Amino acid sequence: MRHIDVHTHLAPQILWKAFANGEDWHGMRHEVQGDLEFIVGNGKRILINSPKIRYTPEERLADMDAEGTDVQVVSIHTPLFPYHWETAAAIKASQEVNDEIAGMTKKWPDRFAGLATLPIGDVDAAIIELERAVEVLGLKGAELDMVVNGQNWDEPHFLPLFKAAEELDALLFFHPQPQDNIMAAERTLRYGIPNSVGVVLEDALLVATLIHSGVLDECPNLRVCVAHGGGGACFGMGRLDHGWQVRSEARAKILKPPSAYQKQIYYDFLTSSEAGLRFLIDSVGIDRVVIGSDWPFVGWDPSPGGWLEGLERLSQEEKEKISWRNLEALLGI
């Protein structure tokens, strides 16, 4: 069975080459402390917690072959989002990353597709770069954080970006940063909770915000995919609908209950349980679920596609749609 993976990360080779030459990359530098390595700068301290994040495209292809992944949709490692950087540096870094990803897709068009990084701190600049990424470089859309410098996506000044993405038929893939913007980290850093539970809280908030903002009414053909199965959003949809029924503020920008919009969104299958995936499929429909592995940060046994193929509560047709048919249709891969 063919396997297309929408959720795979990249730390660009241009960054590693700068480090190898003893240079920084737009203010980011390499630090080693004992057995630990970090990318440090611009207010961030990013742990390098998988050696694969260094991989060259050729090494990446070998790993894909080993796990049986036919196509990766590549996007930046999220702590490297340049949203809070000075605008000129954010634009330049985004262009460099997008050019590198586009180079991979041009050299290996049957193995890689790409999502752009955008300098979202300046919405006008982000729209210009999205247009370049899609129309000139041939990328399929962009990867976005759940918040932008403390602002949610329902702020009115973000609407032109959504409209531009809709016009371009660009996919917007939303993914939280693992070390920032995770509410759970404000409560505890123990037990790995900020990653295991925190990210799915962020996913659910993003889905609820997109729905209640009216963006999906304003842009009915907008293509959105949310990581980690949308977190707890679908499980909480009954509460969102009840809130819409009884609270006037929940009806301020949408005319239909929230559940009427959840099928306008795509979700990757990273629920980490068959029961969770089955619930997601039954909630949003099989046509809205795709493989998303979080390469290289999640260990799969035996592989993302192998895990899917081994599930007992999914039909063969459902497995094929998740594995490749849905993304092939969505992105023209």
C-alpha atoms as a PDB file:
ATOM      1  CA  MET A   1       0.000   0.000   0.000  1.00  0.00           C
ATOM      2  CA  ARG A   2       1.228   3.495  -0.817  1.00  0.00           C
ATOM      3  CA  HIS A   3       1.987   5.750   2.167  1.00  0.00           C
ATOM      4  CA  ILE A   4       1.955   9.584   2.044  1.00  0.00           C
ATOM      5  CA  ASP A   5       2.883  11.389   5.273  1.00  0.00           C
ATOM      6  CA  VAL A   6       1.678  14.986   5.755  1.00  0.00           C
ATOM      7  CA  HIS A   7       3.499  15.576   9.053  1.00  0.00           C
ATOM      8  CA  THR A   8       7.289  15.404   8.721  1.00  0.00           C
ATOM      9  CA  HIS A   9       9.759  17.970  10.009  1.00  0.00           C
ATOM     10  CA  LEU A  10      12.995  19.478   8.764  1.00  0.00           C
ATOM     11  CA  ALA A  11      15.789  21.525  10.287  1.00  0.00           C
ATOM     12  CA  PRO A  12      17.345  22.941   7.124  1.00  0.00           C
ATOM     13  CA  GLN A  13      20.740  21.919   5.859  1.00  0.00           C
ATOM     14  CA  ILE A  14      21.621  25.597   5.521  1.00  0.00           C
ATOM     15  CA  LEU A  15      21.461  25.792   9.335  1.00  0.00           C
ATOM     16  CA  TRP A  16      23.718  22.763   9.852  1.00  0.00           C
ATOM     17  CA  LYS A  17      26.176  24.010   7.246  1.00  0.00           C
ATOM     18  CA  ALA A  18      26.423  27.348   9.050  1.00  0.00           C
ATOM     19  CA  PHE A  19      27.076  25.534  12.326  1.00  0.00           C
ATOM     20  CA  ALA A  20      29.736  23.337  10.694  1.00  0.00           C
ATOM     21  CA  ASN A  21      31.494  26.510   9.565  1.00  0.00           C
ATOM     22  CA  GLY A  22      31.389  27.957  13.072  1.00  0.00           C
ATOM     23  CA  GLU A  23      28.741  30.499  12.085  1.00  0.00           C
ATOM     24  CA  ASP A  24      25.249  31.244  13.320  1.00  0.00           C
ATOM     25  CA  TRP A  25      22.108  31.166  11.206  1.00  0.00           C
ATOM     26  CA  HIS A  26      20.058  34.314  11.588  1.00  0.00           C
ATOM     27  CA  GLY A  27      20.989  34.501  15.251  1.00  0.00           C
ATOM     28  CA  MET A  28      20.654  30.765  15.928  1.00  0.00           C
ATOM     29  CA  ARG A  29      23.800  28.967  17.129  1.00  0.00           C
ATOM     30  CA  HIS A  30      24.866  25.458  18.106  1.00  0.00           C
ATOM     31  CA  GLU A  31      25.624  24.582  21.748  1.00  0.00           C
ATOM     32  CA  VAL A  32      26.826  21.332  23.318  1.00  0.00           C
ATOM     33  CA  GLN A  33      26.446  20.594  27.025  1.00  0.00           C
ATOM     34  CA  GLY A  34      27.704  17.155  27.951  1.00  0.00           C
ATOM     35  CA  ASP A  35      25.691  14.651  25.960  1.00  0.00           C
ATOM     36  CA  LEU A  36      23.053  17.222  24.993  1.00  0.00           C
ATOM     37  CA  GLU A  37      22.952  19.464  21.947  1.00  0.00           C
ATOM     38  CA  PHE A  38      20.911  22.617  21.490  1.00  0.00           C
ATOM     39  CA  ILE A  39      20.020  25.205  18.881  1.00  0.00           C
ATOM     40  CA  VAL A  40      20.079  28.479  20.779  1.00  0.00           C
ATOM     41  CA  GLY A  41      19.156  32.044  19.887  1.00  0.00           C
ATOM     42  CA  ASN A  42      16.334  34.514  19.311  1.00  0.00           C
ATOM     43  CA  GLY A  43      14.965  33.716  22.737  1.00  0.00           C
ATOM     44  CA  LYS A  44      14.875  29.953  22.105  1.00  0.00           C
ATOM     45  CA  ARG A  45      16.748  26.962  23.475  1.00  0.00           C
ATOM     46  CA  ILE A  46      15.838  24.003  21.292  1.00  0.00           C
ATOM     47  CA  LEU A  47      16.926  20.537  22.358  1.00  0.00           C
ATOM     48  CA  ILE A  48      18.135  18.377  19.464  1.00  0.00           C
ATOM     49  CA  ASN A  49      16.307  15.256  20.584  1.00  0.00           C
ATOM     50  CA  SER A  50      16.553  13.173  17.427  1.00  0.00           C
ATOM     51  CA  PRO A  51      19.700  12.669  15.360  1.00  0.00           C
ATOM     52  CA  LYS A  52      17.486  12.333  12.283  1.00  0.00           C
ATOM     53  CA  ILE A  53      16.653  16.045  12.367  1.00  0.00           C
ATOM     54  CA  ARG A  54      20.162  16.535  10.934  1.00  0.00           C
ATOM     55  CA  TYR A  55      19.582  14.168   8.025  1.00  0.00           C
ATOM     56  CA  THR A  56      20.473  15.154   4.499  1.00  0.00           C
ATOM     57  CA  PRO A  57      17.786  14.472   1.890  1.00  0.00           C
ATOM     58  CA  GLU A  58      19.638  11.321   0.877  1.00  0.00           C
ATOM     59  CA  GLU A  59      19.692  10.031   4.464  1.00  0.00           C
ATOM     60  CA  ARG A  60      16.041  10.951   4.786  1.00  0.00           C
ATOM     61  CA  LEU A  61      15.194   8.933   1.692  1.00  0.00           C
ATOM     62  CA  ALA A  62      17.013   5.904   3.079  1.00  0.00           C
ATOM     63  CA  ASP A  63      14.999   6.190   6.292  1.00  0.00           C
ATOM     64  CA  MET A  64      11.772   6.522   4.319  1.00  0.00           C
ATOM     65  CA  ASP A  65      12.646   3.392   2.358  1.00  0.00           C
ATOM     66  CA  ALA A  66      13.369   1.504   5.575  1.00  0.00           C
ATOM     67  CA  GLU A  67       9.981   2.380   7.069  1.00  0.00           C
ATOM     68  CA  GLY A  68       8.025   2.093   3.820  1.00  0.00           C
ATOM     69  CA  THR A  69       7.014   5.728   3.378  1.00  0.00           C
ATOM     70  CA  ASP A  70       6.602   6.678  -0.280  1.00  0.00           C
ATOM     71  CA  VAL A  71       6.148  10.459   0.054  1.00  0.00           C
ATOM     72  CA  GLN A  72       6.892  12.924   2.839  1.00  0.00           C
ATOM     73  CA  VAL A  73       5.262  16.345   2.948  1.00  0.00           C
ATOM     74  CA  VAL A  74       8.110  18.289   4.533  1.00  0.00           C
ATOM     75  CA  SER A  75       7.787  21.301   6.847  1.00  0.00           C
ATOM     76  CA  ILE A  76      10.093  23.102   9.248  1.00  0.00           C
ATOM     77  CA  HIS A  77      10.808  21.912  12.795  1.00  0.00           C
ATOM     78  CA  THR A  78       8.340  24.159  14.599  1.00  0.00           C
ATOM     79  CA  PRO A  79      10.653  25.747  17.216  1.00  0.00           C
ATOM     80  CA  LEU A  80      12.399  27.350  14.238  1.00  0.00           C
ATOM     81  CA  PHE A  81       9.302  29.351  13.274  1.00  0.00           C
ATOM     82  CA  PRO A  82      10.640  32.936  12.877  1.00  0.00           C
ATOM     83  CA  TYR A  83       7.454  34.693  13.972  1.00  0.00           C
ATOM     84  CA  HIS A  84       9.076  36.800  16.686  1.00  0.00           C
ATOM     85  CA  TRP A  85      12.218  37.654  14.729  1.00  0.00           C
ATOM     86  CA  GLU A  86      12.942  41.047  13.229  1.00  0.00           C
ATOM     87  CA  THR A  87      10.962  41.218   9.981  1.00  0.00           C
ATOM     88  CA  ALA A  88      13.838  41.313   7.498  1.00  0.00           C
ATOM     89  CA  ALA A  89      15.540  38.317   9.128  1.00  0.00           C
ATOM     90  CA  ALA A  90      12.239  36.412   9.313  1.00  0.00           C
ATOM     91  CA  ILE A  91      11.616  36.987   5.608  1.00  0.00           C
ATOM     92  CA  LYS A  92      15.133  35.954   4.620  1.00  0.00           C
ATOM     93  CA  ALA A  93      15.108  32.825   6.792  1.00  0.00           C
ATOM     94  CA  SER A  94      11.685  31.803   5.462  1.00  0.00           C
ATOM     95  CA  GLN A  95      12.884  32.221   1.889  1.00  0.00           C
ATOM     96  CA  GLU A  96      15.983  30.128   2.535  1.00  0.00           C
ATOM     97  CA  VAL A  97      14.000  27.309   4.139  1.00  0.00           C
ATOM     98  CA  ASN A  98      11.365  27.351   1.414  1.00  0.00           C
ATOM     99  CA  ASP A  99      13.995  27.348  -1.327  1.00  0.00           C
ATOM    100  CA  GLU A 100      15.656  24.331   0.295  1.00  0.00           C
ATOM    101  CA  ILE A 101      12.419  22.381   0.597  1.00  0.00           C
ATOM    102  CA  ALA A 102      11.510  23.279  -2.978  1.00  0.00           C
ATOM    103  CA  GLY A 103      14.901  21.994  -4.089  1.00  0.00           C
ATOM    104  CA  MET A 104      14.100  18.639  -2.501  1.00  0.00           C
ATOM    105  CA  THR A 105      10.733  18.464  -4.257  1.00  0.00           C
ATOM    106  CA  LYS A 106      12.276  19.303  -7.618  1.00  0.00           C
ATOM    107  CA  LYS A 107      15.107  16.761  -7.313  1.00  0.00           C
ATOM    108  CA  TRP A 108      12.892  13.980  -5.950  1.00  0.00           C
ATOM    109  CA  PRO A 109       9.362  14.892  -7.100  1.00  0.00           C
ATOM    110  CA  ASP A 110       8.044  11.384  -6.452  1.00  0.00           C
ATOM    111  CA  ARG A 111       9.296  11.350  -2.848  1.00  0.00           C
ATOM    112  CA  PHE A 112       8.876  14.850  -1.420  1.00  0.00           C
ATOM    113  CA  ALA A 113       6.254  17.585  -1.338  1.00  0.00           C
ATOM    114  CA  GLY A 114       6.673  20.711   0.720  1.00  0.00           C
ATOM    115  CA  LEU A 115       4.966  23.200   3.023  1.00  0.00           C
ATOM    116  CA  ALA A 116       6.369  26.700   3.386  1.00  0.00           C
ATOM    117  CA  THR A 117       7.517  28.611   6.430  1.00  0.00           C
ATOM    118  CA  LEU A 118       6.077  32.136   6.615  1.00  0.00           C
ATOM    119  CA  PRO A 119       7.177  35.355   8.384  1.00  0.00           C
ATOM    120  CA  ILE A 120       3.800  35.652  10.086  1.00  0.00           C
ATOM    121  CA  GLY A 121       4.898  38.556  12.294  1.00  0.00           C
ATOM    122  CA  ASP A 122       4.218  40.662   9.190  1.00  0.00           C
ATOM    123  CA  VAL A 123       1.029  39.396   7.551  1.00  0.00           C
ATOM    124  CA  ASP A 124       1.618  41.250   4.293  1.00  0.00           C
ATOM    125  CA  ALA A 125       5.099  39.740   4.017  1.00  0.00           C
ATOM    126  CA  ALA A 126       3.667  36.311   4.859  1.00  0.00           C
ATOM    127  CA  ILE A 127       1.142  36.575   2.026  1.00  0.00           C
ATOM    128  CA  ILE A 128       3.873  37.559  -0.426  1.00  0.00           C
ATOM    129  CA  GLU A 129       6.001  34.600   0.634  1.00  0.00           C
ATOM    130  CA  LEU A 130       3.052  32.193   0.496  1.00  0.00           C
ATOM    131  CA  GLU A 131       2.326  33.331  -3.062  1.00  0.00           C
ATOM    132  CA  ARG A 132       5.983  32.847  -4.022  1.00  0.00           C
ATOM    133  CA  ALA A 133       6.145  29.461  -2.316  1.00  0.00           C
ATOM    134  CA  VAL A 134       3.070  28.118  -4.101  1.00  0.00           C
ATOM    135  CA  GLU A 135       3.192  29.836  -7.486  1.00  0.00           C
ATOM    136  CA  VAL A 136       6.964  29.971  -8.043  1.00  0.00           C
ATOM    137  CA  LEU A 137       8.430  27.176  -5.918  1.00  0.00           C
ATOM    138  CA  GLY A 138       5.581  24.689  -6.286  1.00  0.00           C
ATOM    139  CA  LEU A 139       5.062  24.082  -2.568  1.00  0.00           C
ATOM    140  CA  LYS A 140       1.666  22.815  -1.442  1.00  0.00           C
ATOM    141  CA  GLY A 141       0.923  25.379   1.265  1.00  0.00           C
ATOM    142  CA  ALA A 142       2.374  26.338   4.632  1.00  0.00           C
ATOM    143  CA  GLU A 143       2.860  25.048   8.150  1.00  0.00           C
ATOM    144  CA  LEU A 144       1.605  27.364  10.910  1.00  0.00           C
ATOM    145  CA  ASP A 145       1.831  27.547  14.696  1.00  0.00           C
ATOM    146  CA  MET A 146      -1.265  27.549  16.921  1.00  0.00           C
ATOM    147  CA  VAL A 147      -0.655  31.139  18.010  1.00  0.00           C
ATOM    148  CA  VAL A 148       1.399  34.044  16.669  1.00  0.00           C
ATOM    149  CA  ASN A 149       3.337  35.970  19.279  1.00  0.00           C
ATOM    150  CA  GLY A 150       0.533  35.508  21.781  1.00  0.00           C
ATOM    151  CA  GLN A 151      -2.261  36.226  19.311  1.00  0.00           C
ATOM    152  CA  ASN A 152      -4.880  33.696  18.245  1.00  0.00           C
ATOM    153  CA  TRP A 153      -5.860  33.185  14.629  1.00  0.00           C
ATOM    154  CA  ASP A 154      -9.254  34.847  15.102  1.00  0.00           C
ATOM    155  CA  GLU A 155      -7.641  38.304  15.093  1.00  0.00           C
ATOM    156  CA  PRO A 156      -9.057  40.196  12.077  1.00  0.00           C
ATOM    157  CA  HIS A 157      -5.652  41.077  10.621  1.00  0.00           C
ATOM    158  CA  PHE A 158      -5.011  37.372   9.877  1.00  0.00           C
ATOM    159  CA  LEU A 159      -8.073  37.032   7.620  1.00  0.00           C
ATOM    160  CA  PRO A 160      -6.260  38.246   4.452  1.00  0.00           C
ATOM    161  CA  LEU A 161      -3.790  35.391   4.871  1.00  0.00           C
ATOM    162  CA  PHE A 162      -6.624  32.865   5.006  1.00  0.00           C
ATOM    163  CA  LYS A 163      -8.222  34.440   1.949  1.00  0.00           C
ATOM    164  CA  ALA A 164      -4.915  34.304   0.081  1.00  0.00           C
ATOM    165  CA  ALA A 165      -4.453  30.639   1.002  1.00  0.00           C
ATOM    166  CA  GLU A 166      -7.969  29.856  -0.182  1.00  0.00           C
ATOM    167  CA  GLU A 167      -7.354  31.588  -3.507  1.00  0.00           C
ATOM    168  CA  LEU A 168      -4.073  29.703  -3.960  1.00  0.00           C
ATOM    169  CA  ASP A 169      -5.618  26.321  -3.005  1.00  0.00           C
ATOM    170  CA  ALA A 170      -2.835  26.164  -0.416  1.00  0.00           C
ATOM    171  CA  LEU A 171      -3.004  23.741   2.489  1.00  0.00           C
ATOM    172  CA  LEU A 172      -2.469  25.281   5.939  1.00  0.00           C
ATOM    173  CA  PHE A 173      -1.088  22.663   8.319  1.00  0.00           C
ATOM    174  CA  PHE A 174      -1.351  23.713  11.984  1.00  0.00           C
ATOM    175  CA  HIS A 175       1.115  22.306  14.498  1.00  0.00           C
ATOM    176  CA  PRO A 176       1.979  23.513  18.029  1.00  0.00           C
ATOM    177  CA  GLN A 177       5.531  24.158  19.100  1.00  0.00           C
ATOM    178  CA  PRO A 178       6.693  21.454  21.532  1.00  0.00           C
ATOM    179  CA  GLN A 179       8.564  23.859  23.782  1.00  0.00           C
ATOM    180  CA  ASP A 180       6.425  26.998  23.565  1.00  0.00           C
ATOM    181  CA  ASN A 181       2.773  27.930  23.721  1.00  0.00           C
ATOM    182  CA  ILE A 182       1.930  24.727  25.586  1.00  0.00           C
ATOM    183  CA  MET A 183      -0.487  25.585  28.361  1.00  0.00           C
ATOM    184  CA  ALA A 184       0.303  22.442  30.317  1.00  0.00           C
ATOM    185  CA  ALA A 185       3.889  23.639  30.807  1.00  0.00           C
ATOM    186  CA  GLU A 186       2.542  26.466  32.959  1.00  0.00           C
ATOM    187  CA  ARG A 187       1.183  23.847  35.359  1.00  0.00           C
ATOM    188  CA  THR A 188       3.860  21.154  35.300  1.00  0.00           C
ATOM    189  CA  LEU A 189       6.960  20.040  33.475  1.00  0.00           C
ATOM    190  CA  ARG A 190       6.752  16.558  34.996  1.00  0.00           C
ATOM    191  CA  TYR A 191       6.011  13.225  33.363  1.00  0.00           C
ATOM    192  CA  GLY A 192       6.265  14.588  29.810  1.00  0.00           C
ATOM    193  CA  ILE A 193       2.782  16.066  30.195  1.00  0.00           C
ATOM    194  CA  PRO A 194       3.459  19.243  28.173  1.00  0.00           C
ATOM    195  CA  ASN A 195       4.090  17.072  25.118  1.00  0.00           C
ATOM    196  CA  SER A 196       1.708  14.165  25.692  1.00  0.00           C
ATOM    197  CA  VAL A 197      -1.295  16.200  26.865  1.00  0.00           C
ATOM    198  CA  GLY A 198      -0.276  19.796  26.230  1.00  0.00           C
ATOM    199  CA  VAL A 199      -0.078  19.542  22.457  1.00  0.00           C
ATOM    200  CA  VAL A 200      -3.546  18.030  22.144  1.00  0.00           C
ATOM    201  CA  LEU A 201      -4.975  20.858  24.249  1.00  0.00           C
ATOM    202  CA  GLU A 202      -3.379  23.318  21.831  1.00  0.00           C
ATOM    203  CA  ASP A 203      -4.786  21.398  18.855  1.00  0.00           C
ATOM    204  CA  ALA A 204      -8.285  21.484  20.320  1.00  0.00           C
ATOM    205  CA  LEU A 205      -8.099  25.210  21.035  1.00  0.00           C
ATOM    206  CA  LEU A 206      -6.982  25.854  17.478  1.00  0.00           C
ATOM    207  CA  VAL A 207      -9.913  23.915  16.023  1.00  0.00           C
ATOM    208  CA  ALA A 208     -12.393  25.674  18.308  1.00  0.00           C
ATOM    209  CA  THR A 209     -10.892  29.073  17.499  1.00  0.00           C
ATOM    210  CA  LEU A 210     -10.956  28.520  13.736  1.00  0.00           C
ATOM    211  CA  ILE A 211     -14.574  27.417  13.889  1.00  0.00           C
ATOM    212  CA  HIS A 212     -15.851  30.160  16.203  1.00  0.00           C
ATOM    213  CA  SER A 213     -13.870  32.871  14.386  1.00  0.00           C
ATOM    214  CA  GLY A 214     -16.038  32.569  11.294  1.00  0.00           C
ATOM    215  CA  VAL A 215     -12.969  31.931   9.111  1.00  0.00           C
ATOM    216  CA  LEU A 216     -14.514  28.753   7.709  1.00  0.00           C
ATOM    217  CA  ASP A 217     -17.602  30.744   6.660  1.00  0.00           C
ATOM    218  CA  GLU A 218     -15.513  33.555   5.199  1.00  0.00           C
ATOM    219  CA  CYS A 219     -13.306  31.033   3.379  1.00  0.00           C
ATOM    220  CA  PRO A 220     -15.487  27.985   2.701  1.00  0.00           C
ATOM    221  CA  ASN A 221     -12.917  26.400   0.388  1.00  0.00           C
ATOM    222  CA  LEU A 222      -9.956  26.929   2.726  1.00  0.00           C
ATOM    223  CA  ARG A 223      -7.815  23.814   3.088  1.00  0.00           C
ATOM    224  CA  VAL A 224      -6.811  23.243   6.718  1.00  0.00           C
ATOM    225  CA  CYS A 225      -5.171  20.234   8.361  1.00  0.00           C
ATOM    226  CA  VAL A 226      -4.593  19.989  12.118  1.00  0.00           C
ATOM    227  CA  ALA A 227      -1.932  17.798  13.682  1.00  0.00           C
ATOM    228  CA  HIS A 228      -2.480  15.017  16.228  1.00  0.00           C
ATOM    229  CA  GLY A 229      -6.009  14.254  15.126  1.00  0.00           C
ATOM    230  CA  GLY A 230      -7.139  17.712  16.165  1.00  0.00           C
ATOM    231  CA  GLY A 231      -6.348  16.843  19.771  1.00  0.00           C
ATOM    232  CA  GLY A 232      -9.480  16.702  21.887  1.00  0.00           C
ATOM    233  CA  ALA A 233     -11.558  18.880  19.556  1.00  0.00           C
ATOM    234  CA  CYS A 234     -13.812  16.169  18.156  1.00  0.00           C
ATOM    235  CA  PHE A 235     -14.326  14.576  21.568  1.00  0.00           C
ATOM    236  CA  GLY A 236     -15.328  17.992  22.906  1.00  0.00           C
ATOM    237  CA  MET A 237     -17.577  18.915  19.966  1.00  0.00           C
ATOM    238  CA  GLY A 238     -20.741  18.175  21.936  1.00  0.00           C
ATOM    239  CA  ARG A 239     -19.745  20.765  24.530  1.00  0.00           C
ATOM    240  CA  LEU A 240     -18.928  23.271  21.795  1.00  0.00           C
ATOM    241  CA  ASP A 241     -22.365  22.707  20.267  1.00  0.00           C
ATOM    242  CA  HIS A 242     -24.044  23.100  23.656  1.00  0.00           C
ATOM    243  CA  GLY A 243     -22.139  26.326  24.248  1.00  0.00           C
ATOM    244  CA  TRP A 244     -23.300  27.610  20.862  1.00  0.00           C
ATOM    245  CA  GLN A 245     -26.880  26.867  21.832  1.00  0.00           C
ATOM    246  CA  VAL A 246     -26.852  28.555  25.241  1.00  0.00           C
ATOM    247  CA  ARG A 247     -24.208  31.318  25.023  1.00  0.00           C
ATOM    248  CA  SER A 248     -24.699  34.338  22.789  1.00  0.00           C
ATOM    249  CA  GLU A 249     -20.940  34.968  22.526  1.00  0.00           C
ATOM    250  CA  ALA A 250     -20.513  31.496  21.027  1.00  0.00           C
ATOM    251  CA  ARG A 251     -22.923  32.480  18.231  1.00  0.00           C
ATOM    252  CA  ALA A 252     -21.363  35.891  17.574  1.00  0.00           C
ATOM    253  CA  LYS A 253     -19.561  34.930  14.351  1.00  0.00           C
ATOM    254  CA  ILE A 254     -21.092  31.648  13.172  1.00  0.00           C
ATOM    255  CA  LEU A 255     -24.610  30.758  12.111  1.00  0.00           C
ATOM    256  CA  LYS A 256     -24.290  26.981  12.455  1.00  0.00           C
ATOM    257  CA  PRO A 257     -23.283  24.828  15.431  1.00  0.00           C
ATOM    258  CA  PRO A 258     -19.547  24.090  15.639  1.00  0.00           C
ATOM    259  CA  SER A 259     -19.998  20.445  14.670  1.00  0.00           C
ATOM    260  CA  ALA A 260     -21.289  21.598  11.282  1.00  0.00           C
ATOM    261  CA  TYR A 261     -17.794  22.912  10.515  1.00  0.00           C
ATOM    262  CA  GLN A 262     -15.580  20.093  11.761  1.00  0.00           C
ATOM    263  CA  LYS A 263     -15.802  18.256   8.446  1.00  0.00           C
ATOM    264  CA  GLN A 264     -14.303  21.266   6.649  1.00  0.00           C
ATOM    265  CA  ILE A 265     -11.005  20.434   8.378  1.00  0.00           C
ATOM    266  CA  TYR A 266      -8.520  17.633   7.699  1.00  0.00           C
ATOM    267  CA  TYR A 267      -6.809  15.819  10.572  1.00  0.00           C
ATOM    268  CA  ASP A 268      -3.699  13.693  10.691  1.00  0.00           C
ATOM    269  CA  PHE A 269      -4.079  10.228  12.211  1.00  0.00           C
ATOM    270  CA  LEU A 270      -1.649  10.755  15.108  1.00  0.00           C
ATOM    271  CA  THR A 271      -4.032   9.762  17.903  1.00  0.00           C
ATOM    272  CA  SER A 272      -1.681   6.994  19.094  1.00  0.00           C
ATOM    273  CA  SER A 273      -4.541   4.574  19.621  1.00  0.00           C
ATOM    274  CA  GLU A 274      -6.859   2.615  17.370  1.00  0.00           C
ATOM    275  CA  ALA A 275      -9.868   3.592  19.466  1.00  0.00           C
ATOM    276  CA  GLY A 276      -8.975   7.263  19.157  1.00  0.00           C
ATOM    277  CA  LEU A 277      -8.525   6.986  15.406  1.00  0.00           C
ATOM    278  CA  ARG A 278     -11.809   5.124  15.035  1.00  0.00           C
ATOM    279  CA  PHE A 279     -13.588   7.902  16.962  1.00  0.00           C
ATOM    280  CA  LEU A 280     -11.949  10.551  14.789  1.00  0.00           C
ATOM    281  CA  ILE A 281     -13.025   8.809  11.589  1.00  0.00           C
ATOM    282  CA  ASP A 282     -16.574   8.358  12.851  1.00  0.00           C
ATOM    283  CA  SER A 283     -16.687  12.050  13.848  1.00  0.00           C
ATOM    284  CA  VAL A 284     -15.337  13.753  10.722  1.00  0.00           C
ATOM    285  CA  GLY A 285     -15.579  11.129   7.997  1.00  0.00           C
ATOM    286  CA  ILE A 286     -12.929   8.950   6.409  1.00  0.00           C
ATOM    287  CA  ASP A 287     -12.242  11.481   3.639  1.00  0.00           C
ATOM    288  CA  ARG A 288     -10.787  13.939   6.192  1.00  0.00           C
ATOM    289  CA  VAL A 289      -8.122  11.783   7.865  1.00  0.00           C
ATOM    290  CA  VAL A 290      -4.540  11.379   6.599  1.00  0.00           C
ATOM    291  CA  ILE A 291      -1.238   9.884   7.734  1.00  0.00           C
ATOM    292  CA  GLY A 292       0.830  12.236   9.877  1.00  0.00           C
ATOM    293  CA  SER A 293       3.769  10.662  11.681  1.00  0.00           C
ATOM    294  CA  ASP A 294       5.603  13.635  13.267  1.00  0.00           C
ATOM    295  CA  TRP A 295       8.835  12.358  11.720  1.00  0.00           C
ATOM    296  CA  PRO A 296      11.435  12.047  13.223  1.00  0.00           C
ATOM    297  CA  PHE A 297      10.154  12.598  16.760  1.00  0.00           C
ATOM    298  CA  VAL A 298       7.663   9.752  17.271  1.00  0.00           C
ATOM    299  CA  GLY A 299       8.770   6.130  17.396  1.00  0.00           C
ATOM    300  CA  TRP A 300       6.548   3.829  15.343  1.00  0.00           C
ATOM    301  CA  ASP A 301       6.311   0.068  15.557  1.00  0.00           C
ATOM    302  CA  PRO A 302       6.859  -1.025  12.891  1.00  0.00           C
ATOM    303  CA  SER A 303       6.303   2.223  10.951  1.00  0.00           C
ATOM    304  CA  PRO A 304       3.504   4.787  10.426  1.00  0.00           C
ATOM    305  CA  GLY A 305       2.083   2.867   7.487  1.00  0.00           C
ATOM    306  CA  GLY A 306       2.719  -0.475   9.143  1.00  0.00           C
ATOM    307  CA  TRP A 307       0.821   0.628  12.250  1.00  0.00           C
ATOM    308  CA  LEU A 308      -2.124   1.693  10.115  1.00  0.00           C
ATOM    309  CA  GLU A 309      -2.166  -1.515   8.105  1.00  0.00           C
ATOM    310  CA  GLY A 310      -2.173  -3.588  11.293  1.00  0.00           C
ATOM    311  CA  LEU A 311      -5.317  -2.007  12.750  1.00  0.00           C
ATOM    312  CA  GLU A 312      -8.269  -4.372  13.078  1.00  0.00           C
ATOM    313  CA  ARG A 313     -11.202  -1.929  13.314  1.00  0.00           C
ATOM    314  CA  LEU A 314     -10.589  -0.215   9.961  1.00  0.00           C
ATOM    315  CA  SER A 315     -11.640  -1.554   6.590  1.00  0.00           C
ATOM    316  CA  GLN A 316      -9.189  -1.875   3.724  1.00  0.00           C
ATOM    317  CA  GLU A 317     -10.885   1.032   1.957  1.00  0.00           C
ATOM    318  CA  GLU A 318     -10.495   3.216   5.058  1.00  0.00           C
ATOM    319  CA  LYS A 319      -6.829   2.316   5.344  1.00  0.00           C
ATOM    320  CA  GLU A 320      -6.207   3.200   1.705  1.00  0.00           C
ATOM    321  CA  LYS A 321      -7.916   6.573   2.039  1.00  0.00           C
ATOM    322  CA  ILE A 322      -5.892   7.495   5.105  1.00  0.00           C
ATOM    323  CA  SER A 323      -2.680   6.071   3.706  1.00  0.00           C
ATOM    324  CA  TRP A 324      -2.631   7.837   0.347  1.00  0.00           C
ATOM    325  CA  ARG A 325      -5.896   8.452  -1.453  1.00  0.00           C
ATOM    326  CA  ASN A 326      -6.960  11.508   0.583  1.00  0.00           C
ATOM    327  CA  LEU A 327      -3.635  13.324   0.344  1.00  0.00           C
ATOM    328  CA  GLU A 328      -3.200  12.387  -3.298  1.00  0.00           C
ATOM    329  CA  ALA A 329      -6.515  14.095  -4.034  1.00  0.00           C
ATOM    330  CA  LEU A 330      -5.932  17.038  -1.677  1.00  0.00           C
ATOM    331  CA  LEU A 331      -2.420  17.937  -2.786  1.00  0.00           C
ATOM    332  CA  GLY A 332      -2.180  16.431  -6.242  1.00  0.00           C
ATOM    333  CA  ILE A 333       0.650  14.148  -5.178  1.00  0.00           C
END
